[in-house]
Amino acid sequence: MRRVIIFLVLTVCTSILVGLSSHGGASVMALPPQEDIPEEILRTQIITTARSPVDGKPLSAGEYAQLQAQLQKSPPPKLAPRIREQVFLLRIRKALLQLFPFLDI
């Protein structure tokens, strides 16, 4: 009988300690704050402002469309032949160093 009482007291004390230690006094919030706008609503909003891909300045929708059309018309600037050759040689050097890491080039 005495063993049963000791066992019950130990069980109750252990349960209480486990319950208290698992919470740790920290409150857990399962929901985001109310000021956060849900993603479903954000997806339905029409975006009327944008940023320039060139310099990051804010643009209106019309200015952004103009800039996109202008960027598609003009080709990107070409590199000078000497710089292009240097880049090619650097790529060859990188490949050689990956194959032969003991080379001193």
PDB file of N, CA and C in Angstrom:
ATOM      1  N   MET A   1       0.820  -1.191   0.000  1.00  0.00           N
ATOM      2  CA  MET A   1       0.000   0.000   0.000  1.00  0.00           C
ATOM      3  C   MET A   1       0.862   1.253   0.000  1.00  0.00           C
ATOM      4  N   ARG A   2       1.910   1.200   0.802  1.00  0.00           N
ATOM      5  CA  ARG A   2       2.788   2.353   0.897  1.00  0.00           C
ATOM      6  C   ARG A   2       3.489   2.611  -0.454  1.00  0.00           C
ATOM      7  N   ARG A   3       3.867   1.540  -1.138  1.00  0.00           N
ATOM      8  CA  ARG A   3       4.505   1.685  -2.444  1.00  0.00           C
ATOM      9  C   ARG A   3       3.559   2.313  -3.459  1.00  0.00           C
ATOM     10  N   VAL A   4       2.308   1.987  -3.411  1.00  0.00           N
ATOM     11  CA  VAL A   4       1.311   2.530  -4.331  1.00  0.00           C
ATOM     12  C   VAL A   4       1.170   4.033  -4.107  1.00  0.00           C
ATOM     13  N   ILE A   5       1.142   4.456  -2.860  1.00  0.00           N
ATOM     14  CA  ILE A   5       1.004   5.882  -2.541  1.00  0.00           C
ATOM     15  C   ILE A   5       2.244   6.636  -3.025  1.00  0.00           C
ATOM     16  N   ILE A   6       3.429   6.088  -2.788  1.00  0.00           N
ATOM     17  CA  ILE A   6       4.662   6.734  -3.245  1.00  0.00           C
ATOM     18  C   ILE A   6       4.672   6.813  -4.778  1.00  0.00           C
ATOM     19  N   PHE A   7       4.236   5.734  -5.418  1.00  0.00           N
ATOM     20  CA  PHE A   7       4.182   5.709  -6.879  1.00  0.00           C
ATOM     21  C   PHE A   7       3.220   6.773  -7.404  1.00  0.00           C
ATOM     22  N   LEU A   8       2.063   6.926  -6.778  1.00  0.00           N
ATOM     23  CA  LEU A   8       1.085   7.936  -7.197  1.00  0.00           C
ATOM     24  C   LEU A   8       1.630   9.344  -7.003  1.00  0.00           C
ATOM     25  N   VAL A   9       2.285   9.586  -5.878  1.00  0.00           N
ATOM     26  CA  VAL A   9       2.852  10.912  -5.607  1.00  0.00           C
ATOM     27  C   VAL A   9       3.936  11.236  -6.635  1.00  0.00           C
ATOM     28  N   LEU A  10       4.793  10.264  -6.925  1.00  0.00           N
ATOM     29  CA  LEU A  10       5.843  10.478  -7.920  1.00  0.00           C
ATOM     30  C   LEU A  10       5.249  10.710  -9.311  1.00  0.00           C
ATOM     31  N   THR A  11       4.205   9.986  -9.645  1.00  0.00           N
ATOM     32  CA  THR A  11       3.554  10.153 -10.948  1.00  0.00           C
ATOM     33  C   THR A  11       2.946  11.537 -11.078  1.00  0.00           C
ATOM     34  N   VAL A  12       2.263  11.989 -10.036  1.00  0.00           N
ATOM     35  CA  VAL A  12       1.633  13.313 -10.063  1.00  0.00           C
ATOM     36  C   VAL A  12       2.697  14.406 -10.148  1.00  0.00           C
ATOM     37  N   CYS A  13       3.755  14.286  -9.334  1.00  0.00           N
ATOM     38  CA  CYS A  13       4.822  15.290  -9.350  1.00  0.00           C
ATOM     39  C   CYS A  13       5.511  15.337 -10.706  1.00  0.00           C
ATOM     40  N   THR A  14       5.787  14.186 -11.283  1.00  0.00           N
ATOM     41  CA  THR A  14       6.424  14.123 -12.592  1.00  0.00           C
ATOM     42  C   THR A  14       5.529  14.738 -13.655  1.00  0.00           C
ATOM     43  N   SER A  15       4.253  14.451 -13.603  1.00  0.00           N
ATOM     44  CA  SER A  15       3.316  15.012 -14.585  1.00  0.00           C
ATOM     45  C   SER A  15       3.273  16.529 -14.484  1.00  0.00           C
ATOM     46  N   ILE A  16       3.256  17.034 -13.259  1.00  0.00           N
ATOM     47  CA  ILE A  16       3.222  18.491 -13.060  1.00  0.00           C
ATOM     48  C   ILE A  16       4.512  19.119 -13.576  1.00  0.00           C
ATOM     49  N   LEU A  17       5.664  18.523 -13.271  1.00  0.00           N
ATOM     50  CA  LEU A  17       6.939  19.074 -13.728  1.00  0.00           C
ATOM     51  C   LEU A  17       7.057  19.048 -15.253  1.00  0.00           C
ATOM     52  N   VAL A  18       6.634  17.962 -15.858  1.00  0.00           N
ATOM     53  CA  VAL A  18       6.682  17.877 -17.321  1.00  0.00           C
ATOM     54  C   VAL A  18       5.746  18.906 -17.936  1.00  0.00           C
ATOM     55  N   GLY A  19       4.568  19.069 -17.369  1.00  0.00           N
ATOM     56  CA  GLY A  19       3.614  20.051 -17.890  1.00  0.00           C
ATOM     57  C   GLY A  19       4.136  21.466 -17.787  1.00  0.00           C
ATOM     58  N   LEU A  20       4.758  21.797 -16.659  1.00  0.00           N
ATOM     59  CA  LEU A  20       5.285  23.147 -16.481  1.00  0.00           C
ATOM     60  C   LEU A  20       6.517  23.406 -17.346  1.00  0.00           C
ATOM     61  N   SER A  21       7.371  22.401 -17.474  1.00  0.00           N
ATOM     62  CA  SER A  21       8.591  22.620 -18.250  1.00  0.00           C
ATOM     63  C   SER A  21       8.327  22.651 -19.750  1.00  0.00           C
ATOM     64  N   SER A  22       7.280  21.985 -20.207  1.00  0.00           N
ATOM     65  CA  SER A  22       7.021  21.977 -21.642  1.00  0.00           C
ATOM     66  C   SER A  22       6.508  23.328 -22.130  1.00  0.00           C
ATOM     67  N   HIS A  23       5.791  24.049 -21.290  1.00  0.00           N
ATOM     68  CA  HIS A  23       5.290  25.364 -21.693  1.00  0.00           C
ATOM     69  C   HIS A  23       6.365  26.423 -21.544  1.00  0.00           C
ATOM     70  N   GLY A  24       7.138  26.353 -20.520  1.00  0.00           N
ATOM     71  CA  GLY A  24       8.234  27.285 -20.327  1.00  0.00           C
ATOM     72  C   GLY A  24       7.794  28.719 -20.156  1.00  0.00           C
ATOM     73  N   GLY A  25       6.547  28.979 -19.963  1.00  0.00           N
ATOM     74  CA  GLY A  25       6.071  30.335 -19.759  1.00  0.00           C
ATOM     75  C   GLY A  25       6.013  31.157 -21.035  1.00  0.00           C
ATOM     76  N   ALA A  26       6.364  30.591 -22.163  1.00  0.00           N
ATOM     77  CA  ALA A  26       6.346  31.333 -23.419  1.00  0.00           C
ATOM     78  C   ALA A  26       5.000  31.120 -24.105  1.00  0.00           C
ATOM     79  N   SER A  27       4.432  32.216 -24.523  1.00  0.00           N
ATOM     80  CA  SER A  27       3.166  32.101 -25.238  1.00  0.00           C
ATOM     81  C   SER A  27       3.457  31.900 -26.726  1.00  0.00           C
ATOM     82  N   VAL A  28       2.723  31.016 -27.332  1.00  0.00           N
ATOM     83  CA  VAL A  28       2.921  30.694 -28.740  1.00  0.00           C
ATOM     84  C   VAL A  28       1.716  31.214 -29.505  1.00  0.00           C
ATOM     85  N   MET A  29       2.005  31.937 -30.594  1.00  0.00           N
ATOM     86  CA  MET A  29       0.921  32.450 -31.416  1.00  0.00           C
ATOM     87  C   MET A  29       0.884  31.637 -32.708  1.00  0.00           C
ATOM     88  N   ALA A  30      -0.227  31.004 -32.973  1.00  0.00           N
ATOM     89  CA  ALA A  30      -0.361  30.195 -34.177  1.00  0.00           C
ATOM     90  C   ALA A  30      -0.795  31.035 -35.365  1.00  0.00           C
ATOM     91  N   LEU A  31      -1.347  32.196 -35.130  1.00  0.00           N
ATOM     92  CA  LEU A  31      -1.834  33.039 -36.214  1.00  0.00           C
ATOM     93  C   LEU A  31      -0.935  34.255 -36.394  1.00  0.00           C
ATOM     94  N   PRO A  32      -0.815  34.769 -37.627  1.00  0.00           N
ATOM     95  CA  PRO A  32      -0.015  35.977 -37.837  1.00  0.00           C
ATOM     96  C   PRO A  32      -0.724  37.188 -37.236  1.00  0.00           C
ATOM     97  N   PRO A  33      -0.003  38.270 -37.025  1.00  0.00           N
ATOM     98  CA  PRO A  33      -0.634  39.483 -36.490  1.00  0.00           C
ATOM     99  C   PRO A  33      -1.740  39.979 -37.413  1.00  0.00           C
ATOM    100  N   GLN A  34      -2.700  40.684 -36.836  1.00  0.00           N
ATOM    101  CA  GLN A  34      -3.843  41.146 -37.626  1.00  0.00           C
ATOM    102  C   GLN A  34      -3.452  42.185 -38.669  1.00  0.00           C
ATOM    103  N   GLU A  35      -2.349  42.918 -38.446  1.00  0.00           N
ATOM    104  CA  GLU A  35      -1.970  43.945 -39.419  1.00  0.00           C
ATOM    105  C   GLU A  35      -1.357  43.349 -40.677  1.00  0.00           C
ATOM    106  N   ASP A  36      -0.980  42.062 -40.669  1.00  0.00           N
ATOM    107  CA  ASP A  36      -0.472  41.405 -41.871  1.00  0.00           C
ATOM    108  C   ASP A  36      -1.620  41.167 -42.852  1.00  0.00           C
ATOM    109  N   ILE A  37      -1.366  41.514 -44.120  1.00  0.00           N
ATOM    110  CA  ILE A  37      -2.377  41.301 -45.154  1.00  0.00           C
ATOM    111  C   ILE A  37      -2.199  39.876 -45.685  1.00  0.00           C
ATOM    112  N   PRO A  38      -3.275  39.086 -45.748  1.00  0.00           N
ATOM    113  CA  PRO A  38      -3.160  37.708 -46.242  1.00  0.00           C
ATOM    114  C   PRO A  38      -2.654  37.650 -47.680  1.00  0.00           C
ATOM    115  N   GLU A  39      -1.938  36.582 -48.003  1.00  0.00           N
ATOM    116  CA  GLU A  39      -1.355  36.422 -49.331  1.00  0.00           C
ATOM    117  C   GLU A  39      -2.428  36.353 -50.412  1.00  0.00           C
ATOM    118  N   GLU A  40      -3.569  35.780 -50.094  1.00  0.00           N
ATOM    119  CA  GLU A  40      -4.646  35.669 -51.076  1.00  0.00           C
ATOM    120  C   GLU A  40      -5.125  37.047 -51.518  1.00  0.00           C
ATOM    121  N   ILE A  41      -5.164  37.990 -50.599  1.00  0.00           N
ATOM    122  CA  ILE A  41      -5.594  39.349 -50.941  1.00  0.00           C
ATOM    123  C   ILE A  41      -4.491  40.054 -51.723  1.00  0.00           C
ATOM    124  N   LEU A  42      -3.239  39.856 -51.324  1.00  0.00           N
ATOM    125  CA  LEU A  42      -2.137  40.497 -52.021  1.00  0.00           C
ATOM    126  C   LEU A  42      -2.041  40.029 -53.467  1.00  0.00           C
ATOM    127  N   ARG A  43      -2.372  38.774 -53.733  1.00  0.00           N
ATOM    128  CA  ARG A  43      -2.311  38.257 -55.104  1.00  0.00           C
ATOM    129  C   ARG A  43      -3.346  38.903 -56.014  1.00  0.00           C
ATOM    130  N   THR A  44      -4.469  39.359 -55.462  1.00  0.00           N
ATOM    131  CA  THR A  44      -5.523  39.934 -56.291  1.00  0.00           C
ATOM    132  C   THR A  44      -5.337  41.427 -56.530  1.00  0.00           C
ATOM    133  N   GLN A  45      -4.398  42.060 -55.821  1.00  0.00           N
ATOM    134  CA  GLN A  45      -4.199  43.497 -55.990  1.00  0.00           C
ATOM    135  C   GLN A  45      -3.450  43.776 -57.284  1.00  0.00           C
ATOM    136  N   ILE A  46      -3.831  44.859 -57.934  1.00  0.00           N
ATOM    137  CA  ILE A  46      -3.179  45.287 -59.161  1.00  0.00           C
ATOM    138  C   ILE A  46      -2.010  46.184 -58.783  1.00  0.00           C
ATOM    139  N   ILE A  47      -0.832  45.853 -59.295  1.00  0.00           N
ATOM    140  CA  ILE A  47       0.362  46.625 -58.978  1.00  0.00           C
ATOM    141  C   ILE A  47       0.483  47.764 -59.985  1.00  0.00           C
ATOM    142  N   THR A  48       0.511  48.998 -59.486  1.00  0.00           N
ATOM    143  CA  THR A  48       0.584  50.158 -60.370  1.00  0.00           C
ATOM    144  C   THR A  48       1.940  50.845 -60.301  1.00  0.00           C
ATOM    145  N   THR A  49       2.817  50.400 -59.449  1.00  0.00           N
ATOM    146  CA  THR A  49       4.157  50.984 -59.364  1.00  0.00           C
ATOM    147  C   THR A  49       5.185  49.884 -59.559  1.00  0.00           C
ATOM    148  N   ALA A  50       6.339  50.283 -60.044  1.00  0.00           N
ATOM    149  CA  ALA A  50       7.411  49.313 -60.269  1.00  0.00           C
ATOM    150  C   ALA A  50       8.746  50.008 -60.053  1.00  0.00           C
ATOM    151  N   ARG A  51       9.797  49.231 -60.072  1.00  0.00           N
ATOM    152  CA  ARG A  51      11.158  49.771 -59.958  1.00  0.00           C
ATOM    153  C   ARG A  51      11.895  49.500 -61.254  1.00  0.00           C
ATOM    154  N   SER A  52      12.715  50.453 -61.628  1.00  0.00           N
ATOM    155  CA  SER A  52      13.495  50.322 -62.849  1.00  0.00           C
ATOM    156  C   SER A  52      14.543  49.229 -62.688  1.00  0.00           C
ATOM    157  N   PRO A  53      14.652  48.303 -63.667  1.00  0.00           N
ATOM    158  CA  PRO A  53      15.703  47.286 -63.584  1.00  0.00           C
ATOM    159  C   PRO A  53      17.089  47.876 -63.844  1.00  0.00           C
ATOM    160  N   VAL A  54      17.151  49.095 -64.370  1.00  0.00           N
ATOM    161  CA  VAL A  54      18.431  49.716 -64.694  1.00  0.00           C
ATOM    162  C   VAL A  54      19.051  50.371 -63.463  1.00  0.00           C
ATOM    163  N   ASP A  55      18.273  51.259 -62.800  1.00  0.00           N
ATOM    164  CA  ASP A  55      18.839  52.002 -61.670  1.00  0.00           C
ATOM    165  C   ASP A  55      18.027  51.891 -60.384  1.00  0.00           C
ATOM    166  N   GLY A  56      16.916  51.162 -60.386  1.00  0.00           N
ATOM    167  CA  GLY A  56      16.141  50.933 -59.172  1.00  0.00           C
ATOM    168  C   GLY A  56      15.227  52.071 -58.770  1.00  0.00           C
ATOM    169  N   LYS A  57      15.050  53.070 -59.611  1.00  0.00           N
ATOM    170  CA  LYS A  57      14.160  54.193 -59.271  1.00  0.00           C
ATOM    171  C   LYS A  57      12.699  53.762 -59.429  1.00  0.00           C
ATOM    172  N   PRO A  58      11.794  54.312 -58.603  1.00  0.00           N
ATOM    173  CA  PRO A  58      10.376  53.978 -58.754  1.00  0.00           C
ATOM    174  C   PRO A  58       9.817  54.537 -60.062  1.00  0.00           C
ATOM    175  N   LEU A  59       8.989  53.726 -60.732  1.00  0.00           N
ATOM    176  CA  LEU A  59       8.379  54.116 -62.006  1.00  0.00           C
ATOM    177  C   LEU A  59       6.885  53.842 -61.956  1.00  0.00           C
ATOM    178  N   SER A  60       6.134  54.580 -62.772  1.00  0.00           N
ATOM    179  CA  SER A  60       4.715  54.267 -62.916  1.00  0.00           C
ATOM    180  C   SER A  60       4.587  53.105 -63.893  1.00  0.00           C
ATOM    181  N   ALA A  61       3.384  52.588 -64.040  1.00  0.00           N
ATOM    182  CA  ALA A  61       3.175  51.439 -64.920  1.00  0.00           C
ATOM    183  C   ALA A  61       3.497  51.793 -66.370  1.00  0.00           C
ATOM    184  N   GLY A  62       3.121  52.986 -66.810  1.00  0.00           N
ATOM    185  CA  GLY A  62       3.399  53.412 -68.184  1.00  0.00           C
ATOM    186  C   GLY A  62       4.888  53.586 -68.436  1.00  0.00           C
ATOM    187  N   GLU A  63       5.580  54.212 -67.491  1.00  0.00           N
ATOM    188  CA  GLU A  63       7.026  54.395 -67.635  1.00  0.00           C
ATOM    189  C   GLU A  63       7.747  53.044 -67.657  1.00  0.00           C
ATOM    190  N   TYR A  64       7.265  52.107 -66.845  1.00  0.00           N
ATOM    191  CA  TYR A  64       7.880  50.777 -66.811  1.00  0.00           C
ATOM    192  C   TYR A  64       7.696  50.060 -68.150  1.00  0.00           C
ATOM    193  N   ALA A  65       6.492  50.167 -68.730  1.00  0.00           N
ATOM    194  CA  ALA A  65       6.233  49.536 -70.030  1.00  0.00           C
ATOM    195  C   ALA A  65       7.116  50.153 -71.111  1.00  0.00           C
ATOM    196  N   GLN A  66       7.283  51.494 -71.076  1.00  0.00           N
ATOM    197  CA  GLN A  66       8.149  52.167 -72.038  1.00  0.00           C
ATOM    198  C   GLN A  66       9.593  51.692 -71.899  1.00  0.00           C
ATOM    199  N   LEU A  67      10.066  51.599 -70.673  1.00  0.00           N
ATOM    200  CA  LEU A  67      11.439  51.174 -70.435  1.00  0.00           C
ATOM    201  C   LEU A  67      11.663  49.739 -70.903  1.00  0.00           C
ATOM    202  N   GLN A  68      10.688  48.857 -70.659  1.00  0.00           N
ATOM    203  CA  GLN A  68      10.809  47.472 -71.116  1.00  0.00           C
ATOM    204  C   GLN A  68      10.875  47.403 -72.641  1.00  0.00           C
ATOM    205  N   ALA A  69      10.034  48.192 -73.309  1.00  0.00           N
ATOM    206  CA  ALA A  69      10.055  48.206 -74.776  1.00  0.00           C
ATOM    207  C   ALA A  69      11.381  48.744 -75.291  1.00  0.00           C
ATOM    208  N   GLN A  70      11.896  49.778 -74.641  1.00  0.00           N
ATOM    209  CA  GLN A  70      13.169  50.361 -75.053  1.00  0.00           C
ATOM    210  C   GLN A  70      14.320  49.377 -74.833  1.00  0.00           C
ATOM    211  N   LEU A  71      14.280  48.642 -73.738  1.00  0.00           N
ATOM    212  CA  LEU A  71      15.337  47.672 -73.468  1.00  0.00           C
ATOM    213  C   LEU A  71      15.308  46.508 -74.452  1.00  0.00           C
ATOM    214  N   GLN A  72      14.111  46.150 -74.940  1.00  0.00           N
ATOM    215  CA  GLN A  72      14.022  45.064 -75.905  1.00  0.00           C
ATOM    216  C   GLN A  72      14.506  45.493 -77.290  1.00  0.00           C
ATOM    217  N   LYS A  73      14.365  46.769 -77.625  1.00  0.00           N
ATOM    218  CA  LYS A  73      14.787  47.262 -78.943  1.00  0.00           C
ATOM    219  C   LYS A  73      16.300  47.383 -79.040  1.00  0.00           C
ATOM    220  N   SER A  74      16.912  47.993 -78.048  1.00  0.00           N
ATOM    221  CA  SER A  74      18.356  48.223 -78.126  1.00  0.00           C
ATOM    222  C   SER A  74      19.112  47.016 -77.583  1.00  0.00           C
ATOM    223  N   PRO A  75      20.058  46.495 -78.370  1.00  0.00           N
ATOM    224  CA  PRO A  75      20.823  45.334 -77.894  1.00  0.00           C
ATOM    225  C   PRO A  75      21.767  45.755 -76.762  1.00  0.00           C
ATOM    226  N   PRO A  76      22.170  44.817 -75.933  1.00  0.00           N
ATOM    227  CA  PRO A  76      23.104  45.160 -74.868  1.00  0.00           C
ATOM    228  C   PRO A  76      24.458  45.544 -75.457  1.00  0.00           C
ATOM    229  N   PRO A  77      25.178  46.421 -74.776  1.00  0.00           N
ATOM    230  CA  PRO A  77      26.473  46.840 -75.322  1.00  0.00           C
ATOM    231  C   PRO A  77      27.446  45.666 -75.402  1.00  0.00           C
ATOM    232  N   LYS A  78      28.244  45.656 -76.465  1.00  0.00           N
ATOM    233  CA  LYS A  78      29.204  44.576 -76.665  1.00  0.00           C
ATOM    234  C   LYS A  78      30.518  44.935 -75.985  1.00  0.00           C
ATOM    235  N   LEU A  79      31.228  43.887 -75.564  1.00  0.00           N
ATOM    236  CA  LEU A  79      32.535  44.088 -74.960  1.00  0.00           C
ATOM    237  C   LEU A  79      33.581  44.315 -76.043  1.00  0.00           C
ATOM    238  N   ALA A  80      34.598  45.017 -75.662  1.00  0.00           N
ATOM    239  CA  ALA A  80      35.724  45.222 -76.573  1.00  0.00           C
ATOM    240  C   ALA A  80      36.388  43.869 -76.823  1.00  0.00           C
ATOM    241  N   PRO A  81      36.945  43.666 -78.013  1.00  0.00           N
ATOM    242  CA  PRO A  81      37.565  42.365 -78.333  1.00  0.00           C
ATOM    243  C   PRO A  81      38.670  41.973 -77.347  1.00  0.00           C
ATOM    244  N   ARG A  82      39.437  42.953 -76.894  1.00  0.00           N
ATOM    245  CA  ARG A  82      40.526  42.655 -75.960  1.00  0.00           C
ATOM    246  C   ARG A  82      39.980  42.143 -74.622  1.00  0.00           C
ATOM    247  N   ILE A  83      38.908  42.757 -74.126  1.00  0.00           N
ATOM    248  CA  ILE A  83      38.306  42.318 -72.859  1.00  0.00           C
ATOM    249  C   ILE A  83      37.688  40.929 -73.031  1.00  0.00           C
ATOM    250  N   ARG A  84      37.033  40.700 -74.169  1.00  0.00           N
ATOM    251  CA  ARG A  84      36.443  39.396 -74.433  1.00  0.00           C
ATOM    252  C   ARG A  84      37.520  38.303 -74.445  1.00  0.00           C
ATOM    253  N   GLU A  85      38.687  38.622 -75.041  1.00  0.00           N
ATOM    254  CA  GLU A  85      39.798  37.675 -75.067  1.00  0.00           C
ATOM    255  C   GLU A  85      40.331  37.398 -73.659  1.00  0.00           C
ATOM    256  N   GLN A  86      40.412  38.440 -72.835  1.00  0.00           N
ATOM    257  CA  GLN A  86      40.878  38.267 -71.458  1.00  0.00           C
ATOM    258  C   GLN A  86      39.930  37.367 -70.659  1.00  0.00           C
ATOM    259  N   VAL A  87      38.635  37.564 -70.848  1.00  0.00           N
ATOM    260  CA  VAL A  87      37.647  36.732 -70.154  1.00  0.00           C
ATOM    261  C   VAL A  87      37.776  35.282 -70.608  1.00  0.00           C
ATOM    262  N   PHE A  88      37.973  35.073 -71.899  1.00  0.00           N
ATOM    263  CA  PHE A  88      38.150  33.724 -72.431  1.00  0.00           C
ATOM    264  C   PHE A  88      39.379  33.051 -71.813  1.00  0.00           C
ATOM    265  N   LEU A  89      40.487  33.793 -71.742  1.00  0.00           N
ATOM    266  CA  LEU A  89      41.709  33.231 -71.159  1.00  0.00           C
ATOM    267  C   LEU A  89      41.538  32.929 -69.667  1.00  0.00           C
ATOM    268  N   LEU A  90      40.819  33.779 -68.964  1.00  0.00           N
ATOM    269  CA  LEU A  90      40.567  33.522 -67.542  1.00  0.00           C
ATOM    270  C   LEU A  90      39.722  32.268 -67.342  1.00  0.00           C
ATOM    271  N   ARG A  91      38.765  32.046 -68.231  1.00  0.00           N
ATOM    272  CA  ARG A  91      37.949  30.832 -68.133  1.00  0.00           C
ATOM    273  C   ARG A  91      38.781  29.578 -68.411  1.00  0.00           C
ATOM    274  N   ILE A  92      39.672  29.670 -69.388  1.00  0.00           N
ATOM    275  CA  ILE A  92      40.569  28.536 -69.658  1.00  0.00           C
ATOM    276  C   ILE A  92      41.459  28.273 -68.445  1.00  0.00           C
ATOM    277  N   ARG A  93      41.987  29.344 -67.848  1.00  0.00           N
ATOM    278  CA  ARG A  93      42.845  29.201 -66.659  1.00  0.00           C
ATOM    279  C   ARG A  93      42.085  28.540 -65.516  1.00  0.00           C
ATOM    280  N   LYS A  94      40.841  28.954 -65.319  1.00  0.00           N
ATOM    281  CA  LYS A  94      40.024  28.373 -64.242  1.00  0.00           C
ATOM    282  C   LYS A  94      39.794  26.880 -64.488  1.00  0.00           C
ATOM    283  N   ALA A  95      39.512  26.513 -65.744  1.00  0.00           N
ATOM    284  CA  ALA A  95      39.287  25.098 -66.067  1.00  0.00           C
ATOM    285  C   ALA A  95      40.561  24.289 -65.857  1.00  0.00           C
ATOM    286  N   LEU A  96      41.712  24.839 -66.262  1.00  0.00           N
ATOM    287  CA  LEU A  96      42.976  24.134 -66.073  1.00  0.00           C
ATOM    288  C   LEU A  96      43.301  23.949 -64.589  1.00  0.00           C
ATOM    289  N   LEU A  97      43.016  24.970 -63.788  1.00  0.00           N
ATOM    290  CA  LEU A  97      43.290  24.859 -62.358  1.00  0.00           C
ATOM    291  C   LEU A  97      42.362  23.857 -61.674  1.00  0.00           C
ATOM    292  N   GLN A  98      41.169  23.667 -62.207  1.00  0.00           N
ATOM    293  CA  GLN A  98      40.277  22.650 -61.639  1.00  0.00           C
ATOM    294  C   GLN A  98      40.780  21.248 -61.974  1.00  0.00           C
ATOM    295  N   LEU A  99      41.343  21.087 -63.172  1.00  0.00           N
ATOM    296  CA  LEU A  99      41.859  19.783 -63.567  1.00  0.00           C
ATOM    297  C   LEU A  99      43.231  19.497 -62.946  1.00  0.00           C
ATOM    298  N   PHE A 100      44.076  20.529 -62.893  1.00  0.00           N
ATOM    299  CA  PHE A 100      45.443  20.388 -62.382  1.00  0.00           C
ATOM    300  C   PHE A 100      45.686  21.434 -61.293  1.00  0.00           C
ATOM    301  N   PRO A 101      45.237  21.197 -60.068  1.00  0.00           N
ATOM    302  CA  PRO A 101      45.344  22.226 -59.013  1.00  0.00           C
ATOM    303  C   PRO A 101      46.786  22.517 -58.596  1.00  0.00           C
ATOM    304  N   PHE A 102      47.726  21.676 -58.969  1.00  0.00           N
ATOM    305  CA  PHE A 102      49.119  21.888 -58.571  1.00  0.00           C
ATOM    306  C   PHE A 102      49.857  22.842 -59.505  1.00  0.00           C
ATOM    307  N   LEU A 103      49.233  23.240 -60.628  1.00  0.00           N
ATOM    308  CA  LEU A 103      49.883  24.174 -61.543  1.00  0.00           C
ATOM    309  C   LEU A 103      50.004  25.550 -60.900  1.00  0.00           C
ATOM    310  N   ASP A 104      51.079  26.249 -61.227  1.00  0.00           N
ATOM    311  CA  ASP A 104      51.300  27.582 -60.663  1.00  0.00           C
ATOM    312  C   ASP A 104      51.089  28.628 -61.770  1.00  0.00           C
ATOM    313  N   ILE A 105      49.839  28.739 -62.213  1.00  0.00           N
ATOM    314  CA  ILE A 105      49.539  29.705 -63.273  1.00  0.00           C
ATOM    315  C   ILE A 105      48.575  30.749 -62.772  1.00  0.00           C
TER     316      ILE A 105
END
